[in-house]
Amino acid sequence: MVFADTSALYAFLVVGDAHHQEAVGAERMLRERREQLWTIDPVFTELWLLLRRDVRPEVCDGLVRGLLERGLQRDTLEPRDYLRAWEVGRDWADQDFSLTDRQAFAAIERSRQYRAWSYDRDFAIIRVGGARNRALDVVR
């Protein structure tokens, strides 16, 4: 399973994004390998808001719904994920991780699925696990 970050999904959907061609290739490779993509609810919200800067709400709805129809799995955050997100913010105070990223790191840690598709440098920086020593395997 591969966690899909907002940056990857946005790049995949938006032709003008700097990583669009790379994202289309990565999505194709993941699909050909039959790797399951998953994400969390806050990523959908963040993605919709980013898309909304450029297109009408119904277009945003269609794009996000289309990701689900392509098989992107949606994982709901658990109460402990919120607590862990606050801890990540405290433990990594020198970084500017967004709340969505911190929630993603918590969900990744909880699920023990350490592969992530992202173009956000924060996913290359973070170390998860109790000892903060596990790097994510970032797909690009």
Protein backbone atom coordinates (compact mmCIF):
# COMPACT_ATOMS: atom_id res chain seq x y z
CA MET A 1 0.00 0.00 0.00
CA VAL A 2 1.18 3.49 -0.86
CA PHE A 3 0.01 6.63 0.91
CA ALA A 4 -1.02 9.34 -1.59
CA ASP A 5 -0.16 12.86 -0.45
CA THR A 6 -1.92 16.01 -1.59
CA SER A 7 1.13 17.09 -3.60
CA ALA A 8 1.09 13.89 -5.65
CA LEU A 9 -2.65 13.91 -6.28
CA TYR A 10 -2.62 17.59 -7.24
CA ALA A 11 0.33 17.06 -9.58
CA PHE A 12 -1.48 14.09 -11.15
CA LEU A 13 -4.66 16.11 -11.76
CA VAL A 14 -3.25 19.51 -12.77
CA VAL A 15 -1.55 19.64 -16.15
CA GLY A 16 0.23 22.90 -15.30
CA ASP A 17 1.86 21.54 -12.13
CA ALA A 18 5.66 21.28 -12.25
CA HIS A 19 5.46 17.57 -11.35
CA HIS A 20 2.53 16.65 -13.61
CA GLN A 21 4.40 14.44 -16.09
CA GLU A 22 6.31 12.76 -13.28
CA ALA A 23 3.04 12.17 -11.38
CA VAL A 24 1.30 10.68 -14.41
CA GLY A 25 4.23 8.28 -14.82
CA ALA A 26 4.28 7.40 -11.12
CA GLU A 27 0.54 6.74 -11.05
CA ARG A 28 0.82 4.53 -14.14
CA MET A 29 3.73 2.59 -12.60
CA LEU A 30 1.86 2.10 -9.31
CA ARG A 31 -1.27 0.95 -11.15
CA GLU A 32 0.74 -1.47 -13.33
CA ARG A 33 2.30 -2.93 -10.18
CA ARG A 34 -1.20 -3.18 -8.68
CA GLU A 35 -0.13 -1.20 -5.65
CA GLN A 36 -3.07 0.07 -3.63
CA LEU A 37 -3.15 3.83 -3.07
CA TRP A 38 -4.67 5.16 0.12
CA THR A 39 -5.02 8.53 1.81
CA ILE A 40 -6.80 10.27 4.66
CA ASP A 41 -9.82 12.57 4.71
CA PRO A 42 -7.79 15.76 5.37
CA VAL A 43 -5.86 15.16 2.13
CA PHE A 44 -9.14 15.18 0.18
CA THR A 45 -10.13 18.45 1.85
CA GLU A 46 -6.74 20.04 1.21
CA LEU A 47 -6.75 18.84 -2.40
CA TRP A 48 -10.27 20.18 -3.02
CA LEU A 49 -9.28 23.58 -1.61
CA LEU A 50 -6.18 23.75 -3.80
CA LEU A 51 -8.17 22.81 -6.88
CA ARG A 52 -10.85 25.36 -5.98
CA ARG A 53 -8.37 28.20 -6.59
CA ASP A 54 -8.58 27.43 -10.31
CA VAL A 55 -11.90 25.72 -11.07
CA ARG A 56 -15.56 25.69 -10.08
CA PRO A 57 -16.71 23.60 -7.07
CA GLU A 58 -18.49 21.02 -9.24
CA VAL A 59 -15.27 20.44 -11.18
CA CYS A 60 -13.40 19.95 -7.88
CA ASP A 61 -16.07 17.50 -6.78
CA GLY A 62 -15.71 15.54 -10.02
CA LEU A 63 -11.92 15.41 -9.85
CA VAL A 64 -11.83 14.22 -6.24
CA ARG A 65 -14.69 11.76 -6.79
CA GLY A 66 -12.81 10.47 -9.83
CA LEU A 67 -9.83 9.55 -7.64
CA LEU A 68 -12.10 7.44 -5.46
CA GLU A 69 -13.63 5.82 -8.55
CA ARG A 70 -10.10 4.94 -9.74
CA GLY A 71 -9.65 2.98 -6.51
CA LEU A 72 -7.97 5.42 -4.13
CA GLN A 73 -8.84 4.15 -0.66
CA ARG A 74 -9.96 6.61 2.00
CA ASP A 75 -8.88 6.06 5.58
CA THR A 76 -10.60 7.88 8.43
CA LEU A 77 -8.38 9.32 11.13
CA GLU A 78 -8.62 7.83 14.58
CA PRO A 79 -8.56 9.91 17.79
CA ARG A 80 -5.02 8.72 18.49
CA ASP A 81 -3.92 10.08 15.10
CA TYR A 82 -4.86 13.59 16.21
CA LEU A 83 -2.87 13.16 19.42
CA ARG A 84 0.10 11.85 17.48
CA ALA A 85 -0.15 14.75 15.02
CA TRP A 86 0.25 17.21 17.91
CA GLU A 87 3.23 15.21 19.17
CA VAL A 88 4.85 15.31 15.72
CA GLY A 89 4.43 19.08 15.71
CA ARG A 90 6.06 19.32 19.13
CA ASP A 91 8.85 16.83 18.38
CA TRP A 92 9.65 18.42 15.02
CA ALA A 93 9.22 22.04 16.06
CA ASP A 94 12.10 23.07 13.78
CA GLN A 95 10.05 21.94 10.75
CA ASP A 96 7.01 23.62 9.27
CA PHE A 97 4.89 20.47 8.82
CA SER A 98 1.26 21.28 8.05
CA LEU A 99 -1.45 19.75 10.20
CA THR A 100 -2.49 17.57 7.25
CA ASP A 101 1.07 16.29 6.88
CA ARG A 102 1.32 15.58 10.60
CA GLN A 103 -1.97 13.69 10.46
CA ALA A 104 -0.69 11.77 7.44
CA PHE A 105 2.50 10.84 9.30
CA ALA A 106 0.41 9.62 12.23
CA ALA A 107 -1.80 7.48 9.96
CA ILE A 108 1.24 6.10 8.13
CA GLU A 109 2.86 5.23 11.44
CA ARG A 110 -0.32 3.60 12.76
CA SER A 111 -0.85 1.56 9.61
CA ARG A 112 2.82 0.56 9.32
CA GLN A 113 2.59 1.27 5.60
CA TYR A 114 5.78 3.29 5.08
CA ARG A 115 5.57 3.98 1.34
CA ALA A 116 4.31 7.39 0.27
CA TRP A 117 3.78 9.09 -3.08
CA SER A 118 4.64 12.73 -2.55
CA TYR A 119 6.45 15.72 -4.03
CA ASP A 120 6.49 17.47 -0.65
CA ARG A 121 9.99 17.54 0.87
CA ASP A 122 8.48 17.01 4.33
CA PHE A 123 7.87 13.37 3.42
CA ALA A 124 11.61 12.93 2.80
CA ILE A 125 12.51 14.67 6.08
CA ILE A 126 10.16 12.95 8.54
CA ARG A 127 11.25 9.93 10.53
CA VAL A 128 8.44 7.91 12.07
CA GLY A 129 8.24 5.40 14.87
CA GLY A 130 8.89 5.71 18.56
CA ALA A 131 12.61 6.21 18.05
CA ARG A 132 12.05 8.61 15.11
CA ASN A 133 14.39 6.52 12.98
CA ARG A 134 12.20 5.12 10.20
CA ALA A 135 12.38 7.03 6.91
CA LEU A 136 9.50 6.81 4.48
CA ASP A 137 10.03 5.13 1.13
CA VAL A 138 8.99 8.06 -1.07
CA VAL A 139 7.68 7.28 -4.55
CA ARG A 140 8.26 10.06 -7.10
